[in-house]
PDB file of N, CA and C in Angstrom:
ATOM      1  N   MET A   1      -7.462 140.002 -50.159  1.00  0.00           N
ATOM      2  CA  MET A   1      -6.234 140.597 -50.661  1.00  0.00           C
ATOM      3  C   MET A   1      -5.470 139.561 -51.467  1.00  0.00           C
ATOM      4  N   ALA A   2      -4.902 139.967 -52.564  1.00  0.00           N
ATOM      5  CA  ALA A   2      -4.187 139.063 -53.453  1.00  0.00           C
ATOM      6  C   ALA A   2      -2.833 138.694 -52.878  1.00  0.00           C
ATOM      7  N   GLY A   3      -2.398 137.491 -53.199  1.00  0.00           N
ATOM      8  CA  GLY A   3      -1.077 137.052 -52.806  1.00  0.00           C
ATOM      9  C   GLY A   3      -0.030 137.559 -53.779  1.00  0.00           C
ATOM     10  N   VAL A   4       1.243 137.414 -53.401  1.00  0.00           N
ATOM     11  CA  VAL A   4       2.334 137.874 -54.250  1.00  0.00           C
ATOM     12  C   VAL A   4       2.291 137.140 -55.581  1.00  0.00           C
ATOM     13  N   GLY A   5       2.388 137.894 -56.663  1.00  0.00           N
ATOM     14  CA  GLY A   5       2.413 137.299 -57.990  1.00  0.00           C
ATOM     15  C   GLY A   5       1.045 137.019 -58.582  1.00  0.00           C
ATOM     16  N   GLU A   6      -0.010 137.257 -57.827  1.00  0.00           N
ATOM     17  CA  GLU A   6      -1.354 137.007 -58.355  1.00  0.00           C
ATOM     18  C   GLU A   6      -1.782 138.106 -59.303  1.00  0.00           C
ATOM     19  N   ILE A   7      -2.389 137.695 -60.381  1.00  0.00           N
ATOM     20  CA  ILE A   7      -3.004 138.641 -61.303  1.00  0.00           C
ATOM     21  C   ILE A   7      -4.459 138.751 -60.901  1.00  0.00           C
ATOM     22  N   GLY A   8      -5.011 139.942 -60.948  1.00  0.00           N
ATOM     23  CA  GLY A   8      -6.403 140.120 -60.569  1.00  0.00           C
ATOM     24  C   GLY A   8      -7.126 141.035 -61.529  1.00  0.00           C
ATOM     25  N   VAL A   9      -8.435 140.935 -61.509  1.00  0.00           N
ATOM     26  CA  VAL A   9      -9.281 141.784 -62.337  1.00  0.00           C
ATOM     27  C   VAL A   9     -10.255 142.501 -61.418  1.00  0.00           C
ATOM     28  N   HIS A  10     -10.405 143.792 -61.647  1.00  0.00           N
ATOM     29  CA  HIS A  10     -11.341 144.595 -60.866  1.00  0.00           C
ATOM     30  C   HIS A  10     -12.149 145.436 -61.850  1.00  0.00           C
ATOM     31  N   SER A  11     -13.442 145.375 -61.756  1.00  0.00           N
ATOM     32  CA  SER A  11     -14.320 146.154 -62.623  1.00  0.00           C
ATOM     33  C   SER A  11     -15.325 146.913 -61.764  1.00  0.00           C
ATOM     34  N   PHE A  12     -15.652 148.113 -62.208  1.00  0.00           N
ATOM     35  CA  PHE A  12     -16.706 148.876 -61.549  1.00  0.00           C
ATOM     36  C   PHE A  12     -17.309 149.833 -62.560  1.00  0.00           C
ATOM     37  N   MET A  13     -18.438 150.428 -62.210  1.00  0.00           N
ATOM     38  CA  MET A  13     -19.160 151.308 -63.110  1.00  0.00           C
ATOM     39  C   MET A  13     -19.605 152.530 -62.323  1.00  0.00           C
ATOM     40  N   GLU A  14     -19.562 153.689 -62.962  1.00  0.00           N
ATOM     41  CA  GLU A  14     -20.050 154.932 -62.380  1.00  0.00           C
ATOM     42  C   GLU A  14     -20.944 155.621 -63.403  1.00  0.00           C
ATOM     43  N   THR A  15     -21.973 156.288 -62.935  1.00  0.00           N
ATOM     44  CA  THR A  15     -22.794 157.111 -63.815  1.00  0.00           C
ATOM     45  C   THR A  15     -22.280 158.536 -63.730  1.00  0.00           C
ATOM     46  N   ILE A  16     -21.850 159.056 -64.887  1.00  0.00           N
ATOM     47  CA  ILE A  16     -21.282 160.398 -64.977  1.00  0.00           C
ATOM     48  C   ILE A  16     -22.018 161.124 -66.090  1.00  0.00           C
ATOM     49  N   GLU A  17     -22.598 162.272 -65.770  1.00  0.00           N
ATOM     50  CA  GLU A  17     -23.347 163.037 -66.774  1.00  0.00           C
ATOM     51  C   GLU A  17     -24.392 162.147 -67.484  1.00  0.00           C
ATOM     52  N   GLU A  18     -25.083 161.332 -66.714  1.00  0.00           N
ATOM     53  CA  GLU A  18     -26.132 160.430 -67.198  1.00  0.00           C
ATOM     54  C   GLU A  18     -25.617 159.352 -68.162  1.00  0.00           C
ATOM     55  N   GLU A  19     -24.294 159.131 -68.198  1.00  0.00           N
ATOM     56  CA  GLU A  19     -23.678 158.066 -69.012  1.00  0.00           C
ATOM     57  C   GLU A  19     -23.115 157.008 -68.071  1.00  0.00           C
ATOM     58  N   ARG A  20     -23.274 155.751 -68.444  1.00  0.00           N
ATOM     59  CA  ARG A  20     -22.662 154.655 -67.690  1.00  0.00           C
ATOM     60  C   ARG A  20     -21.226 154.491 -68.173  1.00  0.00           C
ATOM     61  N   VAL A  21     -20.278 154.782 -67.299  1.00  0.00           N
ATOM     62  CA  VAL A  21     -18.859 154.664 -67.630  1.00  0.00           C
ATOM     63  C   VAL A  21     -18.318 153.435 -66.920  1.00  0.00           C
ATOM     64  N   HIS A  22     -17.692 152.556 -67.696  1.00  0.00           N
ATOM     65  CA  HIS A  22     -17.167 151.291 -67.176  1.00  0.00           C
ATOM     66  C   HIS A  22     -15.657 151.403 -66.986  1.00  0.00           C
ATOM     67  N   PHE A  23     -15.167 150.758 -65.934  1.00  0.00           N
ATOM     68  CA  PHE A  23     -13.746 150.736 -65.591  1.00  0.00           C
ATOM     69  C   PHE A  23     -13.339 149.273 -65.431  1.00  0.00           C
ATOM     70  N   HIS A  24     -12.277 148.876 -66.097  1.00  0.00           N
ATOM     71  CA  HIS A  24     -11.757 147.509 -65.968  1.00  0.00           C
ATOM     72  C   HIS A  24     -10.259 147.603 -65.698  1.00  0.00           C
ATOM     73  N   VAL A  25      -9.810 146.940 -64.645  1.00  0.00           N
ATOM     74  CA  VAL A  25      -8.411 146.979 -64.231  1.00  0.00           C
ATOM     75  C   VAL A  25      -7.875 145.555 -64.217  1.00  0.00           C
ATOM     76  N   LEU A  26      -6.748 145.355 -64.876  1.00  0.00           N
ATOM     77  CA  LEU A  26      -6.012 144.096 -64.789  1.00  0.00           C
ATOM     78  C   LEU A  26      -4.815 144.377 -63.894  1.00  0.00           C
ATOM     79  N   ARG A  27      -4.817 143.779 -62.718  1.00  0.00           N
ATOM     80  CA  ARG A  27      -3.792 144.034 -61.707  1.00  0.00           C
ATOM     81  C   ARG A  27      -2.598 143.101 -61.925  1.00  0.00           C
ATOM     82  N   LEU A  28      -1.415 143.685 -61.916  1.00  0.00           N
ATOM     83  CA  LEU A  28      -0.161 142.946 -62.072  1.00  0.00           C
ATOM     84  C   LEU A  28       0.800 143.388 -60.973  1.00  0.00           C
ATOM     85  N   LYS A  29       1.960 142.778 -60.892  1.00  0.00           N
ATOM     86  CA  LYS A  29       2.949 143.203 -59.901  1.00  0.00           C
ATOM     87  C   LYS A  29       3.567 144.521 -60.356  1.00  0.00           C
ATOM     88  N   ASP A  30       3.460 145.539 -59.527  1.00  0.00           N
ATOM     89  CA  ASP A  30       4.012 146.871 -59.773  1.00  0.00           C
ATOM     90  C   ASP A  30       3.491 147.543 -61.045  1.00  0.00           C
ATOM     91  N   SER A  31       2.373 147.086 -61.575  1.00  0.00           N
ATOM     92  CA  SER A  31       1.778 147.727 -62.751  1.00  0.00           C
ATOM     93  C   SER A  31       0.314 147.330 -62.855  1.00  0.00           C
ATOM     94  N   PHE A  32      -0.402 148.046 -63.713  1.00  0.00           N
ATOM     95  CA  PHE A  32      -1.776 147.660 -64.009  1.00  0.00           C
ATOM     96  C   PHE A  32      -2.159 148.168 -65.382  1.00  0.00           C
ATOM     97  N   ILE A  33      -3.167 147.510 -65.939  1.00  0.00           N
ATOM     98  CA  ILE A  33      -3.745 147.899 -67.218  1.00  0.00           C
ATOM     99  C   ILE A  33      -5.162 148.377 -66.921  1.00  0.00           C
ATOM    100  N   LEU A  34      -5.490 149.562 -67.383  1.00  0.00           N
ATOM    101  CA  LEU A  34      -6.786 150.174 -67.091  1.00  0.00           C
ATOM    102  C   LEU A  34      -7.487 150.538 -68.389  1.00  0.00           C
ATOM    103  N   TRP A  35      -8.744 150.142 -68.507  1.00  0.00           N
ATOM    104  CA  TRP A  35      -9.583 150.560 -69.629  1.00  0.00           C
ATOM    105  C   TRP A  35     -10.781 151.298 -69.049  1.00  0.00           C
ATOM    106  N   ILE A  36     -11.106 152.450 -69.645  1.00  0.00           N
ATOM    107  CA  ILE A  36     -12.264 153.246 -69.244  1.00  0.00           C
ATOM    108  C   ILE A  36     -13.063 153.572 -70.496  1.00  0.00           C
ATOM    109  N   GLY A  37     -14.380 153.339 -70.467  1.00  0.00           N
ATOM    110  CA  GLY A  37     -15.191 153.687 -71.624  1.00  0.00           C
ATOM    111  C   GLY A  37     -16.662 153.441 -71.413  1.00  0.00           C
ATOM    112  N   THR A  38     -17.449 153.862 -72.397  1.00  0.00           N
ATOM    113  CA  THR A  38     -18.893 153.641 -72.378  1.00  0.00           C
ATOM    114  C   THR A  38     -19.289 152.525 -73.328  1.00  0.00           C
ATOM    115  N   GLU A  39     -18.426 152.203 -74.275  1.00  0.00           N
ATOM    116  CA  GLU A  39     -18.658 151.126 -75.237  1.00  0.00           C
ATOM    117  C   GLU A  39     -17.437 150.228 -75.249  1.00  0.00           C
ATOM    118  N   LEU A  40     -17.623 148.971 -75.558  1.00  0.00           N
ATOM    119  CA  LEU A  40     -16.515 148.027 -75.552  1.00  0.00           C
ATOM    120  C   LEU A  40     -15.657 148.184 -76.803  1.00  0.00           C
ATOM    121  N   ASN A  41     -14.720 149.107 -76.742  1.00  0.00           N
ATOM    122  CA  ASN A  41     -13.718 149.262 -77.791  1.00  0.00           C
ATOM    123  C   ASN A  41     -12.494 149.926 -77.168  1.00  0.00           C
ATOM    124  N   MET A  42     -11.356 149.728 -77.789  1.00  0.00           N
ATOM    125  CA  MET A  42     -10.122 150.332 -77.312  1.00  0.00           C
ATOM    126  C   MET A  42      -9.608 151.255 -78.404  1.00  0.00           C
ATOM    127  N   LYS A  43      -9.865 152.554 -78.234  1.00  0.00           N
ATOM    128  CA  LYS A  43      -9.482 153.533 -79.244  1.00  0.00           C
ATOM    129  C   LYS A  43      -8.033 153.958 -79.108  1.00  0.00           C
ATOM    130  N   SER A  44      -7.486 153.842 -77.917  1.00  0.00           N
ATOM    131  CA  SER A  44      -6.107 154.262 -77.686  1.00  0.00           C
ATOM    132  C   SER A  44      -5.531 153.460 -76.529  1.00  0.00           C
ATOM    133  N   LEU A  45      -4.206 153.434 -76.454  1.00  0.00           N
ATOM    134  CA  LEU A  45      -3.517 152.785 -75.335  1.00  0.00           C
ATOM    135  C   LEU A  45      -2.191 153.500 -75.131  1.00  0.00           C
ATOM    136  N   SER A  46      -1.945 153.905 -73.896  1.00  0.00           N
ATOM    137  CA  SER A  46      -0.702 154.579 -73.544  1.00  0.00           C
ATOM    138  C   SER A  46      -0.093 153.912 -72.327  1.00  0.00           C
ATOM    139  N   VAL A  47       1.205 154.103 -72.168  1.00  0.00           N
ATOM    140  CA  VAL A  47       1.914 153.579 -71.004  1.00  0.00           C
ATOM    141  C   VAL A  47       2.738 154.716 -70.399  1.00  0.00           C
ATOM    142  N   ALA A  48       2.840 154.711 -69.077  1.00  0.00           N
ATOM    143  CA  ALA A  48       3.669 155.694 -68.375  1.00  0.00           C
ATOM    144  C   ALA A  48       4.282 155.031 -67.150  1.00  0.00           C
ATOM    145  N   MET A  49       5.473 155.503 -66.803  1.00  0.00           N
ATOM    146  CA  MET A  49       6.169 154.990 -65.622  1.00  0.00           C
ATOM    147  C   MET A  49       7.145 156.048 -65.133  1.00  0.00           C
ATOM    148  N   LYS A  50       7.497 155.956 -63.865  1.00  0.00           N
ATOM    149  CA  LYS A  50       8.495 156.866 -63.316  1.00  0.00           C
ATOM    150  C   LYS A  50       9.872 156.451 -63.826  1.00  0.00           C
ATOM    151  N   SER A  51      10.696 157.437 -64.086  1.00  0.00           N
ATOM    152  CA  SER A  51      12.076 157.194 -64.493  1.00  0.00           C
ATOM    153  C   SER A  51      12.848 156.608 -63.313  1.00  0.00           C
ATOM    154  N   ARG A  52      13.802 155.745 -63.600  1.00  0.00           N
ATOM    155  CA  ARG A  52      14.640 155.192 -62.530  1.00  0.00           C
ATOM    156  C   ARG A  52      15.680 156.185 -62.048  1.00  0.00           C
ATOM    157  N   THR A  53      15.981 157.197 -62.865  1.00  0.00           N
ATOM    158  CA  THR A  53      17.056 158.130 -62.535  1.00  0.00           C
ATOM    159  C   THR A  53      16.576 159.501 -62.059  1.00  0.00           C
ATOM    160  N   SER A  54      15.281 159.761 -62.129  1.00  0.00           N
ATOM    161  CA  SER A  54      14.755 161.058 -61.678  1.00  0.00           C
ATOM    162  C   SER A  54      13.286 160.895 -61.304  1.00  0.00           C
ATOM    163  N   ASP A  55      12.670 161.996 -60.902  1.00  0.00           N
ATOM    164  CA  ASP A  55      11.244 161.978 -60.567  1.00  0.00           C
ATOM    165  C   ASP A  55      10.361 162.152 -61.796  1.00  0.00           C
ATOM    166  N   GLU A  56      10.986 162.251 -62.951  1.00  0.00           N
ATOM    167  CA  GLU A  56      10.258 162.462 -64.194  1.00  0.00           C
ATOM    168  C   GLU A  56       9.427 161.222 -64.550  1.00  0.00           C
ATOM    169  N   VAL A  57       8.283 161.463 -65.173  1.00  0.00           N
ATOM    170  CA  VAL A  57       7.437 160.373 -65.668  1.00  0.00           C
ATOM    171  C   VAL A  57       7.635 160.263 -67.177  1.00  0.00           C
ATOM    172  N   ILE A  58       7.900 159.058 -67.621  1.00  0.00           N
ATOM    173  CA  ILE A  58       8.117 158.779 -69.041  1.00  0.00           C
ATOM    174  C   ILE A  58       6.850 158.133 -69.574  1.00  0.00           C
ATOM    175  N   SER A  59       6.420 158.542 -70.775  1.00  0.00           N
ATOM    176  CA  SER A  59       5.195 157.966 -71.330  1.00  0.00           C
ATOM    177  C   SER A  59       5.309 157.802 -72.833  1.00  0.00           C
ATOM    178  N   SER A  60       4.442 156.946 -73.351  1.00  0.00           N
ATOM    179  CA  SER A  60       4.382 156.729 -74.795  1.00  0.00           C
ATOM    180  C   SER A  60       2.977 156.278 -75.169  1.00  0.00           C
ATOM    181  N   GLN A  61       2.507 156.755 -76.295  1.00  0.00           N
ATOM    182  CA  GLN A  61       1.235 156.285 -76.831  1.00  0.00           C
ATOM    183  C   GLN A  61       1.523 155.056 -77.681  1.00  0.00           C
ATOM    184  N   LEU A  62       0.862 153.958 -77.391  1.00  0.00           N
ATOM    185  CA  LEU A  62       1.101 152.691 -78.082  1.00  0.00           C
ATOM    186  C   LEU A  62       0.112 152.426 -79.201  1.00  0.00           C
ATOM    187  N   LEU A  63      -1.103 152.972 -79.072  1.00  0.00           N
ATOM    188  CA  LEU A  63      -2.179 152.688 -80.011  1.00  0.00           C
ATOM    189  C   LEU A  63      -3.096 153.896 -80.087  1.00  0.00           C
ATOM    190  N   GLY A  64      -3.577 154.209 -81.286  1.00  0.00           N
ATOM    191  CA  GLY A  64      -4.576 155.254 -81.437  1.00  0.00           C
ATOM    192  C   GLY A  64      -4.053 156.488 -82.143  1.00  0.00           C
ATOM    193  N   PRO A  65      -4.957 157.423 -82.425  1.00  0.00           N
ATOM    194  CA  PRO A  65      -4.581 158.650 -83.134  1.00  0.00           C
ATOM    195  C   PRO A  65      -3.689 159.539 -82.266  1.00  0.00           C
ATOM    196  N   THR A  66      -2.740 160.215 -82.896  1.00  0.00           N
ATOM    197  CA  THR A  66      -1.775 161.021 -82.151  1.00  0.00           C
ATOM    198  C   THR A  66      -2.402 162.237 -81.483  1.00  0.00           C
ATOM    199  N   ASN A  67      -3.558 162.693 -81.941  1.00  0.00           N
ATOM    200  CA  ASN A  67      -4.194 163.853 -81.314  1.00  0.00           C
ATOM    201  C   ASN A  67      -5.042 163.466 -80.100  1.00  0.00           C
ATOM    202  N   ASP A  68      -5.141 162.189 -79.781  1.00  0.00           N
ATOM    203  CA  ASP A  68      -5.898 161.717 -78.618  1.00  0.00           C
ATOM    204  C   ASP A  68      -4.942 161.596 -77.435  1.00  0.00           C
ATOM    205  N   ILE A  69      -4.931 162.607 -76.568  1.00  0.00           N
ATOM    206  CA  ILE A  69      -3.961 162.635 -75.475  1.00  0.00           C
ATOM    207  C   ILE A  69      -4.541 162.207 -74.122  1.00  0.00           C
ATOM    208  N   ALA A  70      -5.818 161.890 -74.071  1.00  0.00           N
ATOM    209  CA  ALA A  70      -6.462 161.573 -72.791  1.00  0.00           C
ATOM    210  C   ALA A  70      -5.808 160.370 -72.107  1.00  0.00           C
ATOM    211  N   SER A  71      -5.530 159.311 -72.864  1.00  0.00           N
ATOM    212  CA  SER A  71      -4.930 158.106 -72.275  1.00  0.00           C
ATOM    213  C   SER A  71      -3.528 158.393 -71.744  1.00  0.00           C
ATOM    214  N   THR A  72      -2.734 159.116 -72.529  1.00  0.00           N
ATOM    215  CA  THR A  72      -1.360 159.422 -72.118  1.00  0.00           C
ATOM    216  C   THR A  72      -1.350 160.317 -70.880  1.00  0.00           C
ATOM    217  N   ALA A  73      -2.176 161.352 -70.877  1.00  0.00           N
ATOM    218  CA  ALA A  73      -2.219 162.267 -69.740  1.00  0.00           C
ATOM    219  C   ALA A  73      -2.645 161.542 -68.463  1.00  0.00           C
ATOM    220  N   MET A  74      -3.656 160.686 -68.556  1.00  0.00           N
ATOM    221  CA  MET A  74      -4.108 159.960 -67.368  1.00  0.00           C
ATOM    222  C   MET A  74      -3.061 158.946 -66.922  1.00  0.00           C
ATOM    223  N   ALA A  75      -2.405 158.274 -67.860  1.00  0.00           N
ATOM    224  CA  ALA A  75      -1.345 157.320 -67.511  1.00  0.00           C
ATOM    225  C   ALA A  75      -0.219 158.032 -66.767  1.00  0.00           C
ATOM    226  N   GLN A  76       0.151 159.223 -67.216  1.00  0.00           N
ATOM    227  CA  GLN A  76       1.210 159.988 -66.549  1.00  0.00           C
ATOM    228  C   GLN A  76       0.817 160.340 -65.116  1.00  0.00           C
ATOM    229  N   ARG A  77      -0.393 160.821 -64.932  1.00  0.00           N
ATOM    230  CA  ARG A  77      -0.828 161.203 -63.581  1.00  0.00           C
ATOM    231  C   ARG A  77      -0.907 159.977 -62.664  1.00  0.00           C
ATOM    232  N   LEU A  78      -1.384 158.852 -63.179  1.00  0.00           N
ATOM    233  CA  LEU A  78      -1.472 157.642 -62.362  1.00  0.00           C
ATOM    234  C   LEU A  78      -0.090 157.085 -62.023  1.00  0.00           C
ATOM    235  N   ALA A  79       0.835 157.137 -62.972  1.00  0.00           N
ATOM    236  CA  ALA A  79       2.197 156.660 -62.703  1.00  0.00           C
ATOM    237  C   ALA A  79       2.854 157.519 -61.620  1.00  0.00           C
ATOM    238  N   ARG A  80       2.650 158.821 -61.694  1.00  0.00           N
ATOM    239  CA  ARG A  80       3.201 159.728 -60.687  1.00  0.00           C
ATOM    240  C   ARG A  80       2.592 159.432 -59.318  1.00  0.00           C
ATOM    241  N   LYS A  81       1.286 159.195 -59.280  1.00  0.00           N
ATOM    242  CA  LYS A  81       0.591 158.958 -58.006  1.00  0.00           C
ATOM    243  C   LYS A  81       0.924 157.599 -57.395  1.00  0.00           C
ATOM    244  N   THR A  82       0.972 156.556 -58.233  1.00  0.00           N
ATOM    245  CA  THR A  82       1.133 155.191 -57.711  1.00  0.00           C
ATOM    246  C   THR A  82       2.565 154.689 -57.707  1.00  0.00           C
ATOM    247  N   GLY A  83       3.418 155.277 -58.550  1.00  0.00           N
ATOM    248  CA  GLY A  83       4.775 154.755 -58.695  1.00  0.00           C
ATOM    249  C   GLY A  83       4.841 153.490 -59.535  1.00  0.00           C
ATOM    250  N   CYS A  84       3.725 153.111 -60.134  1.00  0.00           N
ATOM    251  CA  CYS A  84       3.628 151.897 -60.944  1.00  0.00           C
ATOM    252  C   CYS A  84       3.726 152.210 -62.430  1.00  0.00           C
ATOM    253  N   GLN A  85       4.024 151.180 -63.193  1.00  0.00           N
ATOM    254  CA  GLN A  85       3.892 151.280 -64.639  1.00  0.00           C
ATOM    255  C   GLN A  85       2.403 151.155 -64.939  1.00  0.00           C
ATOM    256  N   CYS A  86       1.856 152.124 -65.668  1.00  0.00           N
ATOM    257  CA  CYS A  86       0.419 152.176 -65.916  1.00  0.00           C
ATOM    258  C   CYS A  86       0.131 152.151 -67.412  1.00  0.00           C
ATOM    259  N   PHE A  87      -0.621 151.166 -67.836  1.00  0.00           N
ATOM    260  CA  PHE A  87      -1.134 151.094 -69.203  1.00  0.00           C
ATOM    261  C   PHE A  87      -2.568 151.593 -69.135  1.00  0.00           C
ATOM    262  N   VAL A  88      -2.920 152.596 -69.918  1.00  0.00           N
ATOM    263  CA  VAL A  88      -4.235 153.215 -69.803  1.00  0.00           C
ATOM    264  C   VAL A  88      -4.865 153.390 -71.175  1.00  0.00           C
ATOM    265  N   SER A  89      -6.137 152.989 -71.265  1.00  0.00           N
ATOM    266  CA  SER A  89      -6.941 153.221 -72.457  1.00  0.00           C
ATOM    267  C   SER A  89      -8.201 153.967 -72.030  1.00  0.00           C
ATOM    268  N   VAL A  90      -8.332 155.198 -72.518  1.00  0.00           N
ATOM    269  CA  VAL A  90      -9.522 156.000 -72.234  1.00  0.00           C
ATOM    270  C   VAL A  90     -10.323 156.093 -73.526  1.00  0.00           C
ATOM    271  N   SER A  91     -11.456 155.418 -73.567  1.00  0.00           N
ATOM    272  CA  SER A  91     -12.316 155.424 -74.756  1.00  0.00           C
ATOM    273  C   SER A  91     -13.513 156.338 -74.522  1.00  0.00           C
ATOM    274  N   LEU A  92     -13.210 157.579 -74.170  1.00  0.00           N
ATOM    275  CA  LEU A  92     -14.213 158.619 -73.957  1.00  0.00           C
ATOM    276  C   LEU A  92     -13.778 159.837 -74.768  1.00  0.00           C
ATOM    277  N   THR A  93     -14.732 160.554 -75.342  1.00  0.00           N
ATOM    278  CA  THR A  93     -14.373 161.727 -76.132  1.00  0.00           C
ATOM    279  C   THR A  93     -14.808 163.032 -75.485  1.00  0.00           C
ATOM    280  N   ASN A  94     -15.765 162.982 -74.602  1.00  0.00           N
ATOM    281  CA  ASN A  94     -16.287 164.163 -73.935  1.00  0.00           C
ATOM    282  C   ASN A  94     -15.373 164.521 -72.753  1.00  0.00           C
ATOM    283  N   GLN A  95     -14.842 165.740 -72.724  1.00  0.00           N
ATOM    284  CA  GLN A  95     -13.918 166.159 -71.674  1.00  0.00           C
ATOM    285  C   GLN A  95     -14.554 166.102 -70.284  1.00  0.00           C
ATOM    286  N   THR A  96     -15.828 166.404 -70.190  1.00  0.00           N
ATOM    287  CA  THR A  96     -16.523 166.323 -68.900  1.00  0.00           C
ATOM    288  C   THR A  96     -16.569 164.882 -68.404  1.00  0.00           C
ATOM    289  N   LEU A  97     -16.830 163.936 -69.308  1.00  0.00           N
ATOM    290  CA  LEU A  97     -16.813 162.520 -68.934  1.00  0.00           C
ATOM    291  C   LEU A  97     -15.417 162.077 -68.507  1.00  0.00           C
ATOM    292  N   ILE A  98     -14.395 162.538 -69.215  1.00  0.00           N
ATOM    293  CA  ILE A  98     -13.016 162.161 -68.884  1.00  0.00           C
ATOM    294  C   ILE A  98     -12.656 162.668 -67.490  1.00  0.00           C
ATOM    295  N   GLN A  99     -12.985 163.909 -67.185  1.00  0.00           N
ATOM    296  CA  GLN A  99     -12.688 164.468 -65.867  1.00  0.00           C
ATOM    297  C   GLN A  99     -13.476 163.749 -64.770  1.00  0.00           C
ATOM    298  N   GLY A 100     -14.747 163.466 -65.028  1.00  0.00           N
ATOM    299  CA  GLY A 100     -15.558 162.735 -64.053  1.00  0.00           C
ATOM    300  C   GLY A 100     -15.051 161.318 -63.850  1.00  0.00           C
ATOM    301  N   ALA A 101     -14.614 160.691 -64.937  1.00  0.00           N
ATOM    302  CA  ALA A 101     -14.085 159.327 -64.852  1.00  0.00           C
ATOM    303  C   ALA A 101     -12.796 159.309 -64.032  1.00  0.00           C
ATOM    304  N   GLU A 102     -11.942 160.298 -64.246  1.00  0.00           N
ATOM    305  CA  GLU A 102     -10.695 160.326 -63.472  1.00  0.00           C
ATOM    306  C   GLU A 102     -10.972 160.552 -61.989  1.00  0.00           C
ATOM    307  N   ALA A 103     -11.929 161.397 -61.671  1.00  0.00           N
ATOM    308  CA  ALA A 103     -12.292 161.621 -60.264  1.00  0.00           C
ATOM    309  C   ALA A 103     -12.835 160.338 -59.638  1.00  0.00           C
ATOM    310  N   ALA A 104     -13.691 159.624 -60.364  1.00  0.00           N
ATOM    311  CA  ALA A 104     -14.237 158.356 -59.856  1.00  0.00           C
ATOM    312  C   ALA A 104     -13.133 157.318 -59.695  1.00  0.00           C
ATOM    313  N   LEU A 105     -12.216 157.290 -60.653  1.00  0.00           N
ATOM    314  CA  LEU A 105     -11.101 156.359 -60.595  1.00  0.00           C
ATOM    315  C   LEU A 105     -10.219 156.623 -59.381  1.00  0.00           C
ATOM    316  N   LEU A 106      -9.888 157.879 -59.135  1.00  0.00           N
ATOM    317  CA  LEU A 106      -9.040 158.216 -57.992  1.00  0.00           C
ATOM    318  C   LEU A 106      -9.714 157.871 -56.669  1.00  0.00           C
ATOM    319  N   ALA A 107     -11.013 158.073 -56.579  1.00  0.00           N
ATOM    320  CA  ALA A 107     -11.749 157.694 -55.362  1.00  0.00           C
ATOM    321  C   ALA A 107     -11.700 156.185 -55.162  1.00  0.00           C
ATOM    322  N   GLU A 108     -11.881 155.427 -56.243  1.00  0.00           N
ATOM    323  CA  GLU A 108     -11.825 153.964 -56.167  1.00  0.00           C
ATOM    324  C   GLU A 108     -10.412 153.499 -55.807  1.00  0.00           C
ATOM    325  N   LEU A 109      -9.414 154.131 -56.377  1.00  0.00           N
ATOM    326  CA  LEU A 109      -8.019 153.794 -56.084  1.00  0.00           C
ATOM    327  C   LEU A 109      -7.684 154.046 -54.622  1.00  0.00           C
ATOM    328  N   GLU A 110      -8.143 155.171 -54.091  1.00  0.00           N
ATOM    329  CA  GLU A 110      -7.882 155.498 -52.684  1.00  0.00           C
ATOM    330  C   GLU A 110      -8.519 154.480 -51.738  1.00  0.00           C
ATOM    331  N   SER A 111      -9.714 154.017 -52.060  1.00  0.00           N
ATOM    332  CA  SER A 111     -10.410 153.101 -51.150  1.00  0.00           C
ATOM    333  C   SER A 111     -10.066 151.636 -51.388  1.00  0.00           C
ATOM    334  N   ASN A 112      -9.494 151.298 -52.547  1.00  0.00           N
ATOM    335  CA  ASN A 112      -9.223 149.894 -52.892  1.00  0.00           C
ATOM    336  C   ASN A 112      -7.877 149.731 -53.597  1.00  0.00           C
ATOM    337  N   GLN A 113      -6.825 150.276 -53.031  1.00  0.00           N
ATOM    338  CA  GLN A 113      -5.513 150.259 -53.671  1.00  0.00           C
ATOM    339  C   GLN A 113      -5.077 148.841 -54.057  1.00  0.00           C
ATOM    340  N   SER A 114      -5.314 147.855 -53.219  1.00  0.00           N
ATOM    341  CA  SER A 114      -4.848 146.488 -53.497  1.00  0.00           C
ATOM    342  C   SER A 114      -5.558 145.867 -54.703  1.00  0.00           C
ATOM    343  N   LEU A 115      -6.671 146.450 -55.146  1.00  0.00           N
ATOM    344  CA  LEU A 115      -7.353 145.932 -56.327  1.00  0.00           C
ATOM    345  C   LEU A 115      -6.730 146.458 -57.617  1.00  0.00           C
ATOM    346  N   PHE A 116      -5.831 147.429 -57.510  1.00  0.00           N
ATOM    347  CA  PHE A 116      -5.202 148.032 -58.674  1.00  0.00           C
ATOM    348  C   PHE A 116      -3.801 147.506 -58.944  1.00  0.00           C
ATOM    349  N   TYR A 117      -3.023 147.297 -57.914  1.00  0.00           N
ATOM    350  CA  TYR A 117      -1.666 146.800 -58.140  1.00  0.00           C
ATOM    351  C   TYR A 117      -1.135 146.138 -56.878  1.00  0.00           C
ATOM    352  N   ILE A 118      -0.150 145.277 -57.094  1.00  0.00           N
ATOM    353  CA  ILE A 118       0.508 144.579 -56.004  1.00  0.00           C
ATOM    354  C   ILE A 118       1.892 145.199 -55.874  1.00  0.00           C
ATOM    355  N   SER A 119       2.190 145.755 -54.725  1.00  0.00           N
ATOM    356  CA  SER A 119       3.512 146.371 -54.573  1.00  0.00           C
ATOM    357  C   SER A 119       4.419 145.498 -53.740  1.00  0.00           C
TER     358      SER A 119
END
């Protein structure tokens, strides 16, 4: 388990629809940066966090085409679930892969929460 203030890296891979999908997490205090993809590129980057004044989740796309909503949608769901600021890059275009990747990610998060963020 990481100590207070430690930055950590966690990587894992899942086979989804016969594709190798890679997950890389940079763990920070109360936040994390997540990249998901089959090839080493960052097509988009979004950030989401819970509002300090309500239960609403605030998000913004930082990088990538405006019609690519996968990163923003996943960042919003992760921010709501974890209460952390989440930077997310989803470099997948197939909706089935995106859904499978999110399911694998949530399973990994449930079993290894301390590898994703330090609260």
